[in-house]
Amino acid sequence: MASIVLATSPSAPPAAARSFDAPVHPAARLVFLAIVVCGFGYAGVSVLSDTHQVGEQLELGVFAFLGLALLIALGFEFVNGFHDTANAVATVIYTNALPANVAVVWSGFFNFLGVMASSGAVAYSIITLLPVDLILNVGSGAGFAMIFALLFAAVIWNLATWYVGLPNSSSHTLIGSVLGVGLANQLLTTGARGTSGVDWSQATKVLTGLWMAPLIGFGAAALLLVVLRMVARNPELMTPPEGDAPPPRGIRALLIFTCTAVSFSHGSNDGQKGMGLIMLILIGCAPTAYALNRTLPASETPAFVRSAAGAGAVLKNHGAVPVATAQARALLRHSLASRKVMNDTTYGAVIAVSDDLAERVSGYGSLGKVPASAAPNIRNDMYLVMDATRMIAKSPDNHMNERERDTLTDYQERLESGTRFIPLWVKVAVALALGLGTMVGWKRIVVTVGERIGKQHMTYAMGASAELVAAGTILAADRFGLPVSTTHILSSGVAGASVASGQGLQRRTLIQLAAAWLMTLPVAMLLAGSLYWLLLSLVRAAGL
């Protein structure tokens, strides 16, 4: 632990230190390696099976490129695992509720379950921050430059902050990377200044969760500790552990429950970020198999066609000007890129593309029957119409009544169901990467959370309060499809509980945590933007 540069505390519990140094059984290493090999094997076989079923044959070079991209994306989730989930196990380790080696395995298992139970809403809330032209052309050289810039920037900053033991947010890092690529793409492709390369309505929604997280964690944990002190009948809750003795049975069960809740909720939220990146990679490398949700039944097609007709009728009622289908797509791309969709011509373009889309899907019978050659174009049309109807429905200047907005929203949601899906094997691969990541490199962040925030040893109530707040906040964010930071919520929760318990806070650590929070967004944006410029230059030089 000598490489950690944060201030040390004389109150570090010797029991935790001893458990950190416990040797790893050779059999555990073999099991770990076997799971990694089986996970990658399962992913590779699944890709080949999915592409074979739709008649798409991947060339060896494309398959190798896909494997490299998936490896880096899963590497991001692996780093996320030991960077973020250390927050979940810090409290049970420092209260002696669980030995360190048991805690990280326990947390990894429930991270796995959290990923498997996730909906995918958070994944696409981040993806929608990306520039429209890059999402529509994700299989191009610029699209792959975007993906690798995002991945490399996020992994570099996560590893840098982990190395010095700072509980930095992986969500914060990834969102900063996305914004950096969006702004860089605008500057490099159009030369335009400003911030139109970012969907700021969506960005504001996402960033709100990030800046609110520390405030929620601090205030809610402090309040919960005060309530526990007032109503708890067991005074042992307010005491720190004695030596290496485990807590009383009831308190130990509470702490294990809170660790479980944080681990599960972390998996359900953070695992989705890797899923979104992997789906972008798959759509770029194997569009026939992954561009459309081919699992939707044919029975959904008539409802989709009716919904398209209803949305068209709404836009006609608000003055849509007829636009030829041949010009409609280019017009829609321009309108979405400039965020100017509230005009009669754009309404007409939406109707033209939507009618053509509904006619083609109806002719095929279902998305599952769309031929390979048509899949990318249909996805792009669905994405154009989906983004346009979403922006129109949410605009305060649309002059529509509630029923009309509901009609547009219904159509948007049906388009989403046709383009936004997560195959089971992607969930399994991400769940394994995140779960296994909890078992490697967790010590640095655990020490910071357990020893270097409060000036005194963590009590049982402090650990339980911080983790209950973290788990509840993350699960609530899942409900609304918002990415939030487990790190920010839990670290500030420990600080809030320390203040409410009458303990002081270690000033140097708080300054470093605040600095990491403030620096993450601009550093990630600069890293991702610079990497995107470099990779795009290489792509153009190679003529791709």
Protein backbone atom coordinates (compact mmCIF):
# COMPACT_ATOMS: atom_id res chain seq x y z
CA MET A 1 0.00 0.00 0.00
CA ALA A 2 3.05 2.29 -0.03
CA SER A 3 2.10 3.71 -3.41
CA ILE A 4 -1.04 5.38 -2.06
CA VAL A 5 -0.36 9.08 -1.72
CA LEU A 6 -3.29 10.10 0.48
CA ALA A 7 -2.86 11.04 4.10
CA THR A 8 -2.72 8.15 6.51
CA SER A 9 -4.70 7.85 9.70
CA PRO A 10 -3.37 6.48 12.99
CA SER A 11 -6.72 4.84 13.64
CA ALA A 12 -6.47 2.23 10.89
CA PRO A 13 -7.82 -1.06 12.25
CA PRO A 14 -5.21 -3.78 12.40
CA ALA A 15 -7.80 -6.46 11.63
CA ALA A 16 -8.50 -4.94 8.25
CA ALA A 17 -4.82 -4.64 7.49
CA ARG A 18 -4.26 -8.29 8.28
CA SER A 19 -7.17 -9.41 6.14
CA PHE A 20 -5.85 -7.33 3.23
CA ASP A 21 -2.63 -9.30 3.29
CA ALA A 22 -4.30 -12.73 3.36
CA PRO A 23 -2.83 -14.93 0.59
CA VAL A 24 -5.00 -15.97 -2.34
CA HIS A 25 -5.48 -19.71 -2.66
CA PRO A 26 -4.07 -21.10 -5.95
CA ALA A 27 -7.40 -22.79 -6.67
CA ALA A 28 -9.13 -19.39 -6.54
CA ARG A 29 -6.78 -18.08 -9.22
CA LEU A 30 -7.58 -21.05 -11.44
CA VAL A 31 -11.33 -20.57 -10.96
CA PHE A 32 -10.96 -16.87 -11.76
CA LEU A 33 -9.03 -17.64 -14.96
CA ALA A 34 -11.52 -20.35 -15.96
CA ILE A 35 -14.45 -17.93 -15.60
CA VAL A 36 -12.65 -15.34 -17.74
CA VAL A 37 -11.92 -17.86 -20.50
CA CYS A 38 -15.45 -19.28 -20.43
CA GLY A 39 -16.96 -15.79 -20.50
CA PHE A 40 -15.00 -14.72 -23.56
CA GLY A 41 -15.67 -18.05 -25.22
CA TYR A 42 -19.41 -17.65 -24.61
CA ALA A 43 -19.32 -14.13 -26.08
CA GLY A 44 -17.45 -15.28 -29.19
CA VAL A 45 -19.75 -18.23 -29.83
CA SER A 46 -22.80 -16.00 -29.31
CA VAL A 47 -21.59 -13.46 -31.88
CA LEU A 48 -20.96 -16.19 -34.44
CA SER A 49 -24.35 -17.76 -33.73
CA ASP A 50 -26.24 -14.45 -33.95
CA THR A 51 -24.62 -13.46 -37.23
CA HIS A 52 -25.06 -16.95 -38.72
CA GLN A 53 -28.79 -16.93 -37.94
CA VAL A 54 -29.34 -13.80 -40.01
CA GLY A 55 -27.01 -14.87 -42.81
CA GLU A 56 -24.21 -12.45 -42.00
CA GLN A 57 -20.70 -13.87 -42.34
CA LEU A 58 -18.01 -11.96 -40.48
CA GLU A 59 -14.62 -11.83 -42.14
CA LEU A 60 -11.66 -12.84 -40.02
CA GLY A 61 -10.37 -9.26 -39.83
CA VAL A 62 -13.76 -7.89 -38.76
CA PHE A 63 -14.16 -10.63 -36.16
CA ALA A 64 -10.68 -9.89 -34.76
CA PHE A 65 -11.44 -6.17 -34.66
CA LEU A 66 -14.73 -6.89 -32.91
CA GLY A 67 -12.93 -9.07 -30.38
CA LEU A 68 -10.43 -6.29 -29.61
CA ALA A 69 -13.19 -3.72 -29.17
CA LEU A 70 -15.18 -6.03 -26.89
CA LEU A 71 -12.05 -6.77 -24.88
CA ILE A 72 -11.48 -3.06 -24.24
CA ALA A 73 -15.16 -2.43 -23.44
CA LEU A 74 -15.21 -5.30 -20.96
CA GLY A 75 -11.91 -4.01 -19.61
CA PHE A 76 -13.69 -0.74 -18.82
CA GLU A 77 -16.30 -2.67 -16.81
CA PHE A 78 -13.56 -4.70 -15.11
CA VAL A 79 -11.80 -1.50 -14.01
CA ASN A 80 -15.19 -0.12 -12.98
CA GLY A 81 -15.61 -3.19 -10.77
CA PHE A 82 -12.51 -2.77 -8.63
CA HIS A 83 -12.73 1.03 -8.75
CA ASP A 84 -16.37 1.54 -7.74
CA THR A 85 -17.43 -1.59 -5.91
CA ALA A 86 -14.72 -1.16 -3.33
CA ASN A 87 -17.16 1.36 -1.90
CA ALA A 88 -19.67 -1.40 -1.23
CA VAL A 89 -17.26 -3.62 0.72
CA ALA A 90 -15.42 -0.92 2.67
CA THR A 91 -18.04 -0.70 5.41
CA VAL A 92 -18.37 -4.44 6.03
CA ILE A 93 -14.59 -4.83 6.09
CA TYR A 94 -13.98 -1.93 8.46
CA THR A 95 -16.74 -3.02 10.83
CA ASN A 96 -15.50 -6.64 10.75
CA ALA A 97 -18.88 -7.81 9.45
CA LEU A 98 -17.13 -9.86 6.75
CA PRO A 99 -13.49 -10.76 6.06
CA ALA A 100 -12.12 -8.89 3.07
CA ASN A 101 -11.74 -11.96 0.84
CA VAL A 102 -15.32 -13.06 1.55
CA ALA A 103 -16.70 -9.53 1.13
CA VAL A 104 -15.30 -8.99 -2.36
CA VAL A 105 -16.60 -12.36 -3.61
CA TRP A 106 -20.00 -11.67 -2.02
CA SER A 107 -20.10 -8.20 -3.60
CA GLY A 108 -19.00 -9.55 -6.97
CA PHE A 109 -21.82 -12.11 -7.00
CA PHE A 110 -24.51 -9.52 -6.28
CA ASN A 111 -22.99 -7.14 -8.83
CA PHE A 112 -23.45 -9.97 -11.32
CA LEU A 113 -27.11 -10.35 -10.33
CA GLY A 114 -27.65 -6.60 -10.52
CA VAL A 115 -26.37 -6.46 -14.09
CA MET A 116 -28.56 -9.40 -15.11
CA ALA A 117 -31.65 -7.75 -13.63
CA SER A 118 -31.05 -4.35 -15.27
CA SER A 119 -33.39 -2.93 -17.89
CA GLY A 120 -30.94 -1.18 -20.24
CA ALA A 121 -32.56 2.26 -19.83
CA VAL A 122 -29.41 3.75 -18.28
CA ALA A 123 -27.27 2.39 -21.13
CA TYR A 124 -29.16 4.33 -23.76
CA SER A 125 -29.50 7.49 -21.67
CA ILE A 126 -25.73 7.91 -22.05
CA ILE A 127 -25.65 6.80 -25.70
CA THR A 128 -28.17 9.51 -26.61
CA LEU A 129 -25.58 12.12 -25.62
CA LEU A 130 -23.49 11.16 -28.65
CA PRO A 131 -23.69 13.15 -31.91
CA VAL A 132 -26.46 11.96 -34.24
CA ASP A 133 -24.18 11.61 -37.26
CA LEU A 134 -21.78 9.31 -35.37
CA ILE A 135 -24.56 7.07 -34.06
CA LEU A 136 -26.08 6.76 -37.53
CA ASN A 137 -22.66 5.90 -38.99
CA VAL A 138 -21.22 3.95 -36.10
CA GLY A 139 -19.77 1.39 -38.50
CA SER A 140 -17.66 4.01 -40.26
CA GLY A 141 -14.08 4.90 -39.46
CA ALA A 142 -15.25 7.96 -37.54
CA GLY A 143 -17.67 5.80 -35.58
CA PHE A 144 -14.95 3.42 -34.47
CA ALA A 145 -12.65 6.33 -33.65
CA MET A 146 -15.44 7.60 -31.39
CA ILE A 147 -15.87 4.26 -29.61
CA PHE A 148 -12.17 3.73 -28.95
CA ALA A 149 -11.70 7.33 -27.82
CA LEU A 150 -14.50 6.87 -25.28
CA LEU A 151 -13.10 3.60 -24.00
CA PHE A 152 -9.46 4.65 -23.76
CA ALA A 153 -10.26 7.97 -22.07
CA ALA A 154 -12.51 6.34 -19.47
CA VAL A 155 -10.05 3.54 -18.68
CA ILE A 156 -7.03 5.89 -18.46
CA TRP A 157 -8.68 8.26 -15.99
CA ASN A 158 -10.16 5.43 -13.92
CA LEU A 159 -6.79 3.73 -13.61
CA ALA A 160 -5.03 7.01 -12.77
CA THR A 161 -7.42 7.84 -9.92
CA TRP A 162 -7.40 4.23 -8.67
CA TYR A 163 -3.59 4.27 -8.55
CA VAL A 164 -3.61 7.09 -6.02
CA GLY A 165 -6.58 5.65 -4.12
CA LEU A 166 -9.17 8.28 -5.08
CA PRO A 167 -12.82 7.11 -5.17
CA ASN A 168 -13.53 8.62 -8.58
CA SER A 169 -16.79 8.03 -10.44
CA SER A 170 -16.73 5.79 -13.54
CA SER A 171 -20.10 7.29 -14.56
CA HIS A 172 -18.69 10.79 -14.31
CA THR A 173 -15.68 9.74 -16.40
CA LEU A 174 -17.71 8.08 -19.15
CA ILE A 175 -20.14 10.98 -19.45
CA GLY A 176 -17.24 13.42 -19.68
CA SER A 177 -15.73 11.27 -22.43
CA VAL A 178 -19.00 11.28 -24.36
CA LEU A 179 -19.30 15.06 -24.13
CA GLY A 180 -15.67 15.47 -25.19
CA VAL A 181 -16.18 13.37 -28.31
CA GLY A 182 -19.36 15.27 -29.17
CA LEU A 183 -17.67 18.65 -28.99
CA ALA A 184 -14.56 17.42 -30.81
CA ASN A 185 -16.69 15.92 -33.59
CA GLN A 186 -18.51 19.21 -34.07
CA LEU A 187 -15.27 21.15 -34.29
CA LEU A 188 -13.51 18.68 -36.59
CA THR A 189 -16.36 17.97 -38.98
CA THR A 190 -18.02 21.38 -39.29
CA GLY A 191 -15.51 23.78 -37.81
CA ALA A 192 -18.38 25.37 -35.92
CA ARG A 193 -17.82 26.83 -32.51
CA GLY A 194 -20.23 26.47 -29.64
CA THR A 195 -21.84 23.39 -28.12
CA SER A 196 -24.42 22.18 -30.66
CA GLY A 197 -22.49 18.91 -30.91
CA VAL A 198 -24.06 17.89 -27.60
CA ASP A 199 -27.74 17.29 -26.84
CA TRP A 200 -27.82 19.58 -23.84
CA SER A 201 -31.39 18.72 -22.86
CA GLN A 202 -30.28 15.13 -22.30
CA ALA A 203 -26.89 16.19 -20.94
CA THR A 204 -28.52 18.44 -18.35
CA LYS A 205 -30.69 15.56 -17.20
CA VAL A 206 -27.69 13.25 -16.86
CA LEU A 207 -25.37 15.81 -15.26
CA THR A 208 -28.03 16.79 -12.72
CA GLY A 209 -27.79 13.33 -11.21
CA LEU A 210 -24.02 13.65 -10.95
CA TRP A 211 -23.87 16.98 -9.14
CA MET A 212 -26.75 16.07 -6.86
CA ALA A 213 -25.20 12.74 -5.82
CA PRO A 214 -22.71 14.12 -3.25
CA LEU A 215 -25.38 16.36 -1.71
CA ILE A 216 -27.86 13.50 -1.46
CA GLY A 217 -25.26 11.17 0.00
CA PHE A 218 -24.04 13.64 2.61
CA GLY A 219 -27.41 14.99 3.73
CA ALA A 220 -29.41 11.76 3.65
CA ALA A 221 -26.74 9.70 5.46
CA ALA A 222 -26.37 12.36 8.16
CA LEU A 223 -30.15 12.52 8.63
CA LEU A 224 -30.49 8.74 8.71
CA LEU A 225 -27.79 8.45 11.37
CA VAL A 226 -29.57 11.04 13.53
CA VAL A 227 -32.82 9.10 13.16
CA LEU A 228 -31.11 5.82 14.03
CA ARG A 229 -29.61 7.41 17.12
CA MET A 230 -33.08 8.57 18.21
CA VAL A 231 -35.03 5.37 17.56
CA ALA A 232 -32.52 2.51 17.78
CA ARG A 233 -32.83 0.45 20.91
CA ASN A 234 -29.41 -1.12 20.55
CA PRO A 235 -26.63 1.29 21.69
CA GLU A 236 -24.02 -0.99 20.12
CA LEU A 237 -25.01 0.43 16.73
CA MET A 238 -23.27 3.66 17.66
CA THR A 239 -20.00 2.03 18.71
CA PRO A 240 -17.01 1.05 16.60
CA PRO A 241 -15.85 -2.57 16.51
CA GLU A 242 -13.45 -3.75 19.18
CA GLY A 243 -10.27 -5.16 17.69
CA ASP A 244 -11.06 -7.88 15.17
CA ALA A 245 -14.28 -9.00 16.89
CA PRO A 246 -17.30 -9.24 14.55
CA PRO A 247 -20.39 -7.15 15.36
CA PRO A 248 -23.41 -8.64 17.18
CA ARG A 249 -25.50 -10.95 15.04
CA GLY A 250 -28.36 -8.51 14.25
CA ILE A 251 -26.00 -5.65 13.44
CA ARG A 252 -23.85 -7.93 11.33
CA ALA A 253 -26.92 -9.01 9.34
CA LEU A 254 -27.83 -5.35 8.77
CA LEU A 255 -24.34 -4.49 7.50
CA ILE A 256 -24.22 -7.50 5.20
CA PHE A 257 -27.66 -6.53 3.86
CA THR A 258 -26.54 -2.99 3.11
CA CYS A 259 -23.39 -4.26 1.38
CA THR A 260 -25.57 -6.59 -0.69
CA ALA A 261 -27.96 -3.79 -1.60
CA VAL A 262 -25.16 -1.46 -2.72
CA SER A 263 -23.50 -4.24 -4.75
CA PHE A 264 -26.76 -5.18 -6.49
CA SER A 265 -27.73 -1.58 -7.22
CA HIS A 266 -24.23 -0.76 -8.45
CA GLY A 267 -24.41 -3.65 -10.90
CA SER A 268 -27.87 -2.64 -12.08
CA ASN A 269 -26.74 0.93 -12.86
CA ASP A 270 -23.04 0.85 -13.74
CA GLY A 271 -23.19 -2.38 -15.71
CA GLN A 272 -25.48 -0.72 -18.22
CA LYS A 273 -22.82 1.74 -19.31
CA GLY A 274 -20.68 -1.07 -20.66
CA MET A 275 -23.74 -2.59 -22.32
CA GLY A 276 -24.41 0.60 -24.25
CA LEU A 277 -20.82 0.77 -25.50
CA ILE A 278 -20.84 -2.89 -26.50
CA MET A 279 -24.09 -2.43 -28.46
CA LEU A 280 -22.48 0.44 -30.39
CA ILE A 281 -19.55 -1.84 -31.21
CA LEU A 282 -21.84 -4.68 -32.30
CA ILE A 283 -23.98 -2.42 -34.48
CA GLY A 284 -20.83 -1.13 -36.18
CA CYS A 285 -19.25 -4.55 -36.79
CA ALA A 286 -22.34 -6.72 -37.33
CA PRO A 287 -25.27 -4.45 -38.24
CA THR A 288 -27.41 -7.21 -39.73
CA ALA A 289 -27.57 -9.10 -36.45
CA TYR A 290 -27.67 -6.21 -33.98
CA ALA A 291 -29.01 -3.09 -35.71
CA LEU A 292 -32.63 -4.13 -35.08
CA ASN A 293 -34.42 -5.93 -32.28
CA ARG A 294 -35.34 -9.07 -34.20
CA THR A 295 -36.95 -10.65 -31.16
CA LEU A 296 -40.05 -8.43 -31.44
CA PRO A 297 -43.02 -10.59 -32.53
CA ALA A 298 -44.92 -10.01 -35.76
CA SER A 299 -47.99 -9.16 -33.67
CA GLU A 300 -46.33 -5.82 -32.80
CA THR A 301 -46.20 -4.69 -36.44
CA PRO A 302 -49.86 -3.56 -36.85
CA ALA A 303 -49.63 -1.52 -33.62
CA PHE A 304 -46.40 0.06 -34.87
CA VAL A 305 -48.03 1.06 -38.16
CA ARG A 306 -51.06 2.55 -36.36
CA SER A 307 -48.78 4.47 -34.01
CA ALA A 308 -46.83 5.88 -36.97
CA ALA A 309 -50.06 7.01 -38.63
CA GLY A 310 -51.22 8.65 -35.39
CA ALA A 311 -47.95 10.56 -35.00
CA GLY A 312 -48.17 11.70 -38.63
CA ALA A 313 -51.70 12.96 -38.08
CA VAL A 314 -50.56 15.02 -35.08
CA LEU A 315 -47.78 16.67 -37.06
CA LYS A 316 -50.13 17.39 -39.99
CA ASN A 317 -52.50 19.11 -37.59
CA HIS A 318 -49.66 21.43 -36.61
CA GLY A 319 -48.84 22.61 -40.12
CA ALA A 320 -46.45 20.02 -41.51
CA VAL A 321 -45.30 20.90 -45.02
CA PRO A 322 -45.05 17.93 -47.46
CA VAL A 323 -41.44 16.90 -48.11
CA ALA A 324 -40.23 14.37 -50.69
CA THR A 325 -38.86 11.20 -49.14
CA ALA A 326 -35.60 11.56 -51.08
CA GLN A 327 -34.85 14.88 -49.36
CA ALA A 328 -36.44 14.08 -45.99
CA ARG A 329 -33.58 12.08 -44.50
CA ALA A 330 -30.92 14.72 -45.17
CA LEU A 331 -33.23 17.41 -43.82
CA LEU A 332 -33.85 15.42 -40.65
CA ARG A 333 -30.14 14.84 -40.10
CA HIS A 334 -29.48 18.55 -40.39
CA SER A 335 -32.36 19.46 -38.08
CA LEU A 336 -31.25 17.00 -35.40
CA ALA A 337 -27.60 18.05 -35.62
CA SER A 338 -28.58 21.71 -35.12
CA ARG A 339 -31.31 20.87 -32.55
CA LYS A 340 -33.87 22.76 -34.65
CA VAL A 341 -36.87 20.49 -35.10
CA MET A 342 -39.74 22.85 -34.26
CA ASN A 343 -40.72 23.92 -37.79
CA ASP A 344 -43.20 22.87 -40.48
CA THR A 345 -40.55 21.51 -42.85
CA THR A 346 -39.04 19.22 -40.22
CA TYR A 347 -42.53 17.98 -39.35
CA GLY A 348 -43.03 17.13 -43.02
CA ALA A 349 -39.68 15.32 -43.16
CA VAL A 350 -40.63 13.24 -40.12
CA ILE A 351 -43.91 12.23 -41.78
CA ALA A 352 -42.17 11.31 -45.06
CA VAL A 353 -39.53 9.10 -43.43
CA SER A 354 -42.05 7.64 -40.97
CA ASP A 355 -44.56 6.69 -43.68
CA ASP A 356 -41.84 5.06 -45.77
CA LEU A 357 -40.55 3.22 -42.71
CA ALA A 358 -44.00 1.95 -41.70
CA GLU A 359 -44.65 0.76 -45.25
CA ARG A 360 -41.40 -1.21 -45.42
CA VAL A 361 -41.76 -2.81 -41.97
CA SER A 362 -45.37 -3.71 -42.74
CA GLY A 363 -44.27 -5.27 -46.03
CA TYR A 364 -41.69 -7.46 -44.29
CA GLY A 365 -44.18 -8.46 -41.59
CA SER A 366 -41.82 -7.93 -38.64
CA LEU A 367 -38.36 -6.64 -37.82
CA GLY A 368 -37.17 -10.24 -37.58
CA LYS A 369 -37.85 -10.69 -41.28
CA VAL A 370 -36.02 -7.60 -42.48
CA PRO A 371 -33.34 -8.76 -44.97
CA ALA A 372 -29.68 -8.18 -44.22
CA SER A 373 -29.25 -5.51 -46.87
CA ALA A 374 -32.11 -3.38 -45.50
CA ALA A 375 -31.39 -3.63 -41.75
CA PRO A 376 -28.90 -0.70 -41.40
CA ASN A 377 -31.09 1.69 -43.41
CA ILE A 378 -34.22 0.81 -41.46
CA ARG A 379 -32.38 1.30 -38.18
CA ASN A 380 -31.12 4.70 -39.28
CA ASP A 381 -34.63 5.76 -40.31
CA MET A 382 -36.04 4.55 -37.01
CA TYR A 383 -33.35 6.45 -35.14
CA LEU A 384 -33.97 9.67 -37.10
CA VAL A 385 -37.72 9.58 -36.52
CA MET A 386 -37.33 8.50 -32.88
CA ASP A 387 -34.99 11.37 -31.99
CA ALA A 388 -37.09 13.91 -33.85
CA THR A 389 -40.40 12.86 -32.24
CA ARG A 390 -38.74 12.80 -28.82
CA MET A 391 -37.45 16.34 -29.21
CA ILE A 392 -40.74 17.59 -30.61
CA ALA A 393 -42.82 15.98 -27.84
CA LYS A 394 -40.60 17.41 -25.08
CA SER A 395 -40.28 20.91 -26.50
CA PRO A 396 -42.16 23.57 -24.51
CA ASP A 397 -42.89 25.34 -27.82
CA ASN A 398 -44.83 22.51 -29.49
CA HIS A 399 -48.30 23.97 -28.70
CA MET A 400 -49.69 20.44 -28.43
CA ASN A 401 -52.23 19.11 -25.99
CA GLU A 402 -51.58 16.20 -23.66
CA ARG A 403 -53.20 13.65 -25.96
CA GLU A 404 -51.06 14.70 -28.90
CA ARG A 405 -47.86 14.57 -26.86
CA ASP A 406 -48.85 11.11 -25.64
CA THR A 407 -49.34 9.99 -29.25
CA LEU A 408 -45.83 11.13 -30.19
CA THR A 409 -44.36 9.56 -27.06
CA ASP A 410 -46.07 6.25 -27.80
CA TYR A 411 -44.58 6.22 -31.29
CA GLN A 412 -41.15 7.13 -29.93
CA GLU A 413 -41.30 4.26 -27.43
CA ARG A 414 -42.25 1.78 -30.16
CA LEU A 415 -39.28 2.94 -32.22
CA GLU A 416 -37.05 2.52 -29.16
CA SER A 417 -38.22 -1.04 -28.65
CA GLY A 418 -37.17 -1.80 -32.23
CA THR A 419 -33.65 -0.37 -31.91
CA ARG A 420 -32.73 -0.54 -28.24
CA PHE A 421 -32.18 -4.01 -26.85
CA ILE A 422 -29.51 -5.92 -24.96
CA PRO A 423 -28.84 -9.56 -25.92
CA LEU A 424 -28.54 -11.97 -23.00
CA TRP A 425 -24.91 -12.80 -23.73
CA VAL A 426 -23.96 -9.09 -23.53
CA LYS A 427 -25.49 -8.92 -20.05
CA VAL A 428 -23.63 -12.07 -19.01
CA ALA A 429 -20.29 -10.82 -20.34
CA VAL A 430 -20.64 -7.41 -18.65
CA ALA A 431 -21.86 -9.03 -15.42
CA LEU A 432 -18.81 -11.30 -15.34
CA ALA A 433 -16.41 -8.42 -16.06
CA LEU A 434 -17.94 -6.23 -13.36
CA GLY A 435 -18.24 -9.05 -10.84
CA LEU A 436 -14.69 -10.29 -11.35
CA GLY A 437 -13.39 -6.74 -11.22
CA THR A 438 -14.50 -6.46 -7.59
CA MET A 439 -11.96 -9.11 -6.66
CA VAL A 440 -8.90 -7.31 -8.06
CA GLY A 441 -7.35 -4.03 -6.97
CA TRP A 442 -10.07 -3.11 -4.47
CA LYS A 443 -7.69 -2.39 -1.56
CA ARG A 444 -6.70 1.15 -2.54
CA ILE A 445 -10.23 2.56 -2.62
CA VAL A 446 -11.32 0.55 0.44
CA VAL A 447 -8.55 2.11 2.53
CA THR A 448 -9.58 5.63 1.48
CA VAL A 449 -13.27 5.11 2.29
CA GLY A 450 -12.62 3.19 5.50
CA GLU A 451 -9.75 5.18 7.00
CA ARG A 452 -9.25 8.54 5.36
CA ILE A 453 -12.59 10.35 5.37
CA GLY A 454 -13.54 10.46 9.07
CA LYS A 455 -10.99 11.11 11.80
CA GLN A 456 -12.14 8.19 13.93
CA HIS A 457 -13.03 4.58 13.32
CA MET A 458 -16.27 3.90 11.46
CA THR A 459 -19.17 2.78 13.68
CA TYR A 460 -21.77 0.20 12.69
CA ALA A 461 -24.47 2.86 12.28
CA MET A 462 -22.22 5.03 10.12
CA GLY A 463 -21.54 2.18 7.70
CA ALA A 464 -25.19 1.12 7.53
CA SER A 465 -26.44 4.70 7.01
CA ALA A 466 -24.04 5.44 4.16
CA GLU A 467 -24.80 2.21 2.34
CA LEU A 468 -28.60 2.35 2.78
CA VAL A 469 -28.58 5.83 1.26
CA ALA A 470 -26.35 4.72 -1.62
CA ALA A 471 -28.47 1.67 -2.46
CA GLY A 472 -31.77 3.55 -2.27
CA THR A 473 -30.54 6.44 -4.42
CA ILE A 474 -29.08 4.19 -7.12
CA LEU A 475 -32.22 2.05 -7.37
CA ALA A 476 -34.35 5.19 -7.64
CA ALA A 477 -32.08 6.46 -10.43
CA ASP A 478 -32.52 3.14 -12.27
CA ARG A 479 -36.25 3.74 -12.24
CA PHE A 480 -35.79 6.97 -14.19
CA GLY A 481 -32.97 5.72 -16.42
CA LEU A 482 -30.38 8.06 -14.87
CA PRO A 483 -26.69 7.19 -14.47
CA VAL A 484 -25.47 8.07 -10.98
CA SER A 485 -22.19 7.63 -9.15
CA THR A 486 -21.95 4.97 -6.45
CA THR A 487 -18.62 6.52 -5.49
CA HIS A 488 -19.94 10.03 -5.01
CA ILE A 489 -23.00 8.92 -3.06
CA LEU A 490 -21.18 6.53 -0.73
CA SER A 491 -18.08 8.65 -0.11
CA SER A 492 -20.19 11.70 0.72
CA GLY A 493 -22.47 9.44 2.76
CA VAL A 494 -19.54 8.33 4.91
CA ALA A 495 -18.58 12.00 5.33
CA GLY A 496 -22.15 12.93 6.29
CA ALA A 497 -22.40 10.10 8.78
CA SER A 498 -19.04 11.10 10.27
CA VAL A 499 -20.24 14.67 10.80
CA ALA A 500 -23.58 13.54 12.26
CA SER A 501 -21.78 11.23 14.69
CA GLY A 502 -19.67 14.11 16.00
CA GLN A 503 -16.46 13.03 14.31
CA GLY A 504 -14.29 15.39 12.34
CA LEU A 505 -13.33 14.95 8.69
CA GLN A 506 -9.83 14.61 7.33
CA ARG A 507 -9.33 17.87 5.48
CA ARG A 508 -6.66 16.68 3.08
CA THR A 509 -8.70 13.72 1.88
CA LEU A 510 -11.81 15.84 1.38
CA ILE A 511 -9.84 18.33 -0.69
CA GLN A 512 -8.50 15.52 -2.86
CA LEU A 513 -11.96 13.97 -3.27
CA ALA A 514 -13.43 17.34 -4.22
CA ALA A 515 -10.57 17.97 -6.65
CA ALA A 516 -11.17 14.57 -8.30
CA TRP A 517 -14.89 15.34 -8.58
CA LEU A 518 -14.25 18.76 -10.15
CA MET A 519 -11.44 17.57 -12.44
CA THR A 520 -13.06 14.40 -13.79
CA LEU A 521 -15.46 16.02 -16.25
CA PRO A 522 -13.00 18.45 -17.92
CA VAL A 523 -10.11 15.94 -17.90
CA ALA A 524 -12.27 13.18 -19.40
CA MET A 525 -13.59 15.59 -22.04
CA LEU A 526 -10.07 16.70 -22.95
CA LEU A 527 -8.75 13.14 -23.03
CA ALA A 528 -11.62 11.81 -25.15
CA GLY A 529 -11.62 14.80 -27.50
CA SER A 530 -7.86 14.55 -28.03
CA LEU A 531 -7.98 10.80 -28.58
CA TYR A 532 -10.87 11.20 -31.02
CA TRP A 533 -8.87 13.77 -33.00
CA LEU A 534 -5.84 11.48 -33.05
CA LEU A 535 -7.77 8.35 -34.03
CA LEU A 536 -9.86 10.19 -36.62
CA SER A 537 -6.67 11.57 -38.17
CA LEU A 538 -5.25 8.04 -38.39
CA VAL A 539 -8.49 6.73 -39.90
CA ARG A 540 -8.52 9.46 -42.54
CA ALA A 541 -4.83 8.96 -43.29
CA ALA A 542 -5.55 5.27 -43.88
CA GLY A 543 -8.44 6.17 -46.20
CA LEU A 544 -11.06 4.37 -44.11
